[in-house]
Protein backbone atom coordinates (compact mmCIF):
# COMPACT_ATOMS: atom_id res chain seq x y z
CA MET A 1 35.68 -36.69 -0.80
CA GLN A 2 34.77 -34.94 -3.97
CA LYS A 3 34.26 -31.20 -3.65
CA ALA A 4 30.84 -31.03 -5.17
CA ASN A 5 29.52 -33.65 -2.57
CA SER A 6 31.69 -32.83 0.32
CA SER A 7 29.33 -30.37 2.05
CA GLU A 8 26.40 -32.71 1.56
CA GLU A 9 28.42 -35.68 2.69
CA LEU A 10 29.82 -34.01 5.73
CA LYS A 11 26.28 -32.79 6.73
CA LEU A 12 25.01 -36.42 6.45
CA LEU A 13 28.00 -37.93 8.28
CA ASP A 14 27.31 -35.26 11.08
CA GLU A 15 23.67 -36.34 11.28
CA TYR A 16 24.58 -39.96 11.50
CA ILE A 17 27.19 -39.42 14.19
CA HIS A 18 24.79 -37.35 16.31
CA ALA A 19 21.97 -39.89 15.92
CA LEU A 20 24.31 -42.60 17.19
CA ILE A 21 25.42 -40.44 20.04
CA ARG A 22 21.87 -39.49 21.01
CA ARG A 23 20.81 -43.16 20.78
CA PHE A 24 23.79 -44.66 22.73
CA TYR A 25 24.35 -41.98 25.34
CA LEU A 26 21.57 -39.43 25.61
CA CYS A 27 18.58 -41.65 25.36
CA PRO A 28 19.54 -45.36 25.43
CA SER A 29 16.84 -47.94 25.95
CA LEU A 30 17.20 -48.58 29.73
CA ASP A 31 14.54 -50.15 31.88
CA LYS A 32 15.94 -49.96 35.45
CA ASP A 33 18.09 -47.69 37.46
CA GLY A 34 19.66 -45.95 34.49
CA LYS A 35 16.47 -44.16 33.53
CA GLU A 36 16.99 -41.69 36.51
CA LEU A 37 20.29 -40.48 35.08
CA SER A 38 20.99 -37.57 32.62
CA GLY A 39 23.01 -38.10 29.46
CA SER A 40 26.14 -36.71 31.01
CA GLU A 41 25.70 -38.90 34.13
CA LEU A 42 25.38 -42.01 31.94
CA PHE A 43 28.33 -41.11 29.89
CA ALA A 44 30.31 -40.71 33.16
CA CYS A 45 29.11 -44.09 34.32
CA SER A 46 30.16 -45.56 31.08
CA ILE A 47 33.55 -44.06 31.24
CA LEU A 48 34.10 -45.27 34.78
CA GLY A 49 32.73 -48.76 33.95
CA ARG A 50 35.09 -49.14 31.03
CA GLY A 51 38.15 -47.59 32.72
CA GLY A 52 37.78 -48.10 36.32
CA ARG A 53 38.71 -45.61 39.04
CA CYS A 54 40.14 -42.27 38.00
CA THR A 55 40.59 -38.76 39.12
CA MET A 56 38.02 -36.09 38.70
CA THR A 57 40.37 -34.32 36.19
CA GLU A 58 40.75 -37.54 34.08
CA LEU A 59 36.90 -38.14 34.14
CA ALA A 60 36.26 -34.55 33.09
CA LYS A 61 38.79 -34.85 30.18
CA GLU A 62 37.30 -38.19 29.01
CA CYS A 63 33.72 -36.74 29.07
CA GLY A 64 34.82 -33.48 27.41
CA LEU A 65 33.52 -31.39 30.24
CA ALA A 66 34.98 -28.57 32.25
CA LEU A 67 35.93 -29.75 35.70
CA SER A 68 33.32 -27.66 37.39
CA SER A 69 30.59 -29.25 35.10
CA MET A 70 31.97 -32.74 35.97
CA THR A 71 31.99 -31.92 39.74
CA GLY A 72 28.24 -31.14 39.46
CA ALA A 73 27.47 -34.31 37.55
CA VAL A 74 29.62 -36.37 40.00
CA ASP A 75 27.87 -34.62 42.90
CA ARG A 76 24.51 -35.81 41.40
CA LEU A 77 25.81 -39.33 40.92
CA VAL A 78 27.14 -39.46 44.59
CA ASN A 79 23.58 -38.32 45.74
CA LYS A 80 21.99 -41.07 43.66
CA GLU A 81 24.46 -43.59 45.25
CA CYS A 82 26.02 -44.48 41.79
CA VAL A 83 29.61 -43.37 42.43
CA LYS A 84 31.88 -42.72 45.39
CA ARG A 85 34.74 -40.32 45.83
CA THR A 86 37.89 -41.24 47.65
CA GLN A 87 41.10 -39.45 48.64
CA GLU A 88 44.24 -41.42 49.09
CA ASP A 89 46.70 -38.56 49.88
CA GLU A 90 46.11 -36.73 52.95
CA GLU A 91 48.78 -34.26 52.03
CA ASP A 92 47.19 -33.47 48.54
CA ARG A 93 43.49 -33.39 49.30
CA ARG A 94 42.78 -31.91 45.87
CA LYS A 95 43.48 -35.27 44.19
CA VAL A 96 40.08 -36.98 44.38
CA TYR A 97 39.31 -40.38 42.76
CA VAL A 98 35.86 -41.39 41.47
CA GLU A 99 34.63 -44.98 41.02
CA LEU A 100 31.37 -46.78 40.51
CA ASP A 101 29.60 -48.24 43.59
CA GLN A 102 27.18 -51.21 43.46
CA LYS A 103 24.29 -49.27 41.93
CA GLY A 104 26.65 -47.61 39.41
CA GLU A 105 27.98 -51.01 38.42
CA ARG A 106 24.43 -52.24 37.85
CA ILE A 107 23.70 -49.20 35.67
CA TYR A 108 26.92 -49.74 33.67
CA GLN A 109 26.01 -53.31 33.05
CA GLU A 110 22.44 -52.12 31.90
CA LEU A 111 24.00 -49.54 29.69
CA LEU A 112 26.43 -52.06 28.31
CA GLU A 113 23.62 -54.53 27.48
CA ALA A 114 21.65 -51.82 25.74
CA GLU A 115 24.68 -50.71 23.76
CA MET A 116 25.45 -54.34 22.67
CA GLY A 117 21.88 -54.86 21.73
CA MET A 118 21.93 -51.77 19.51
CA ILE A 119 25.21 -52.82 17.93
CA ILE A 120 23.89 -56.38 17.23
CA THR A 121 20.77 -54.84 15.66
CA MET A 122 22.89 -52.52 13.39
CA MET A 123 25.29 -55.20 12.43
CA ASP A 124 22.51 -57.73 11.70
CA SER A 125 21.06 -55.30 9.19
CA LEU A 126 24.29 -55.46 7.21
CA LYS A 127 25.77 -58.27 4.99
CA SER A 128 29.02 -59.86 6.15
CA ALA A 129 30.98 -57.90 3.57
CA GLU A 130 29.27 -54.63 4.69
CA GLN A 131 30.16 -55.44 8.40
CA ASP A 132 33.74 -55.94 7.50
CA ALA A 133 33.89 -52.77 5.42
CA LEU A 134 32.15 -50.79 8.17
CA LEU A 135 34.70 -52.03 10.91
CA ARG A 136 37.60 -51.28 8.55
CA VAL A 137 36.38 -47.85 7.84
CA LEU A 138 35.55 -46.93 11.39
CA GLY A 139 38.91 -48.21 12.45
CA LYS A 140 40.57 -45.98 9.95
CA ALA A 141 38.50 -43.02 11.02
CA VAL A 142 39.31 -43.54 14.73
CA ALA A 143 42.95 -44.04 14.04
CA SER A 144 43.08 -40.69 11.99
CA LEU A 145 41.95 -38.85 15.12
CA GLY A 146 44.71 -40.28 17.43
CA ASN A 147 43.98 -40.44 21.14
């Protein structure tokens, strides 16, 4: 980035990234069960839907939340019958797994369909060469961040 434009370009990139996050995870176009969930609850369902069962610690890390905040979100999801907690080790009861239940799976599918619809709409607005360039640039950007 050129120094003269870098501040403006960074500000614009920040706006675009936040607009995408808001649209995809904080206020996606959902019609059914997903409407009752908060942004953090939807994001947790998305993480669980993509990766499957995981520990509370792993889920908190993926969501970028403190374990105490994640516990509150999972408590709400359990009360809404979207996820279930399980313990597999009676000797270490601190290790709690979380996974989607049937309602959570439906919400994940609804969220996935909404995401795919938005992606298709965005990609359809671009020419083929622009689509290729976007995918290449996003791939490089993600790779530069590591895991």
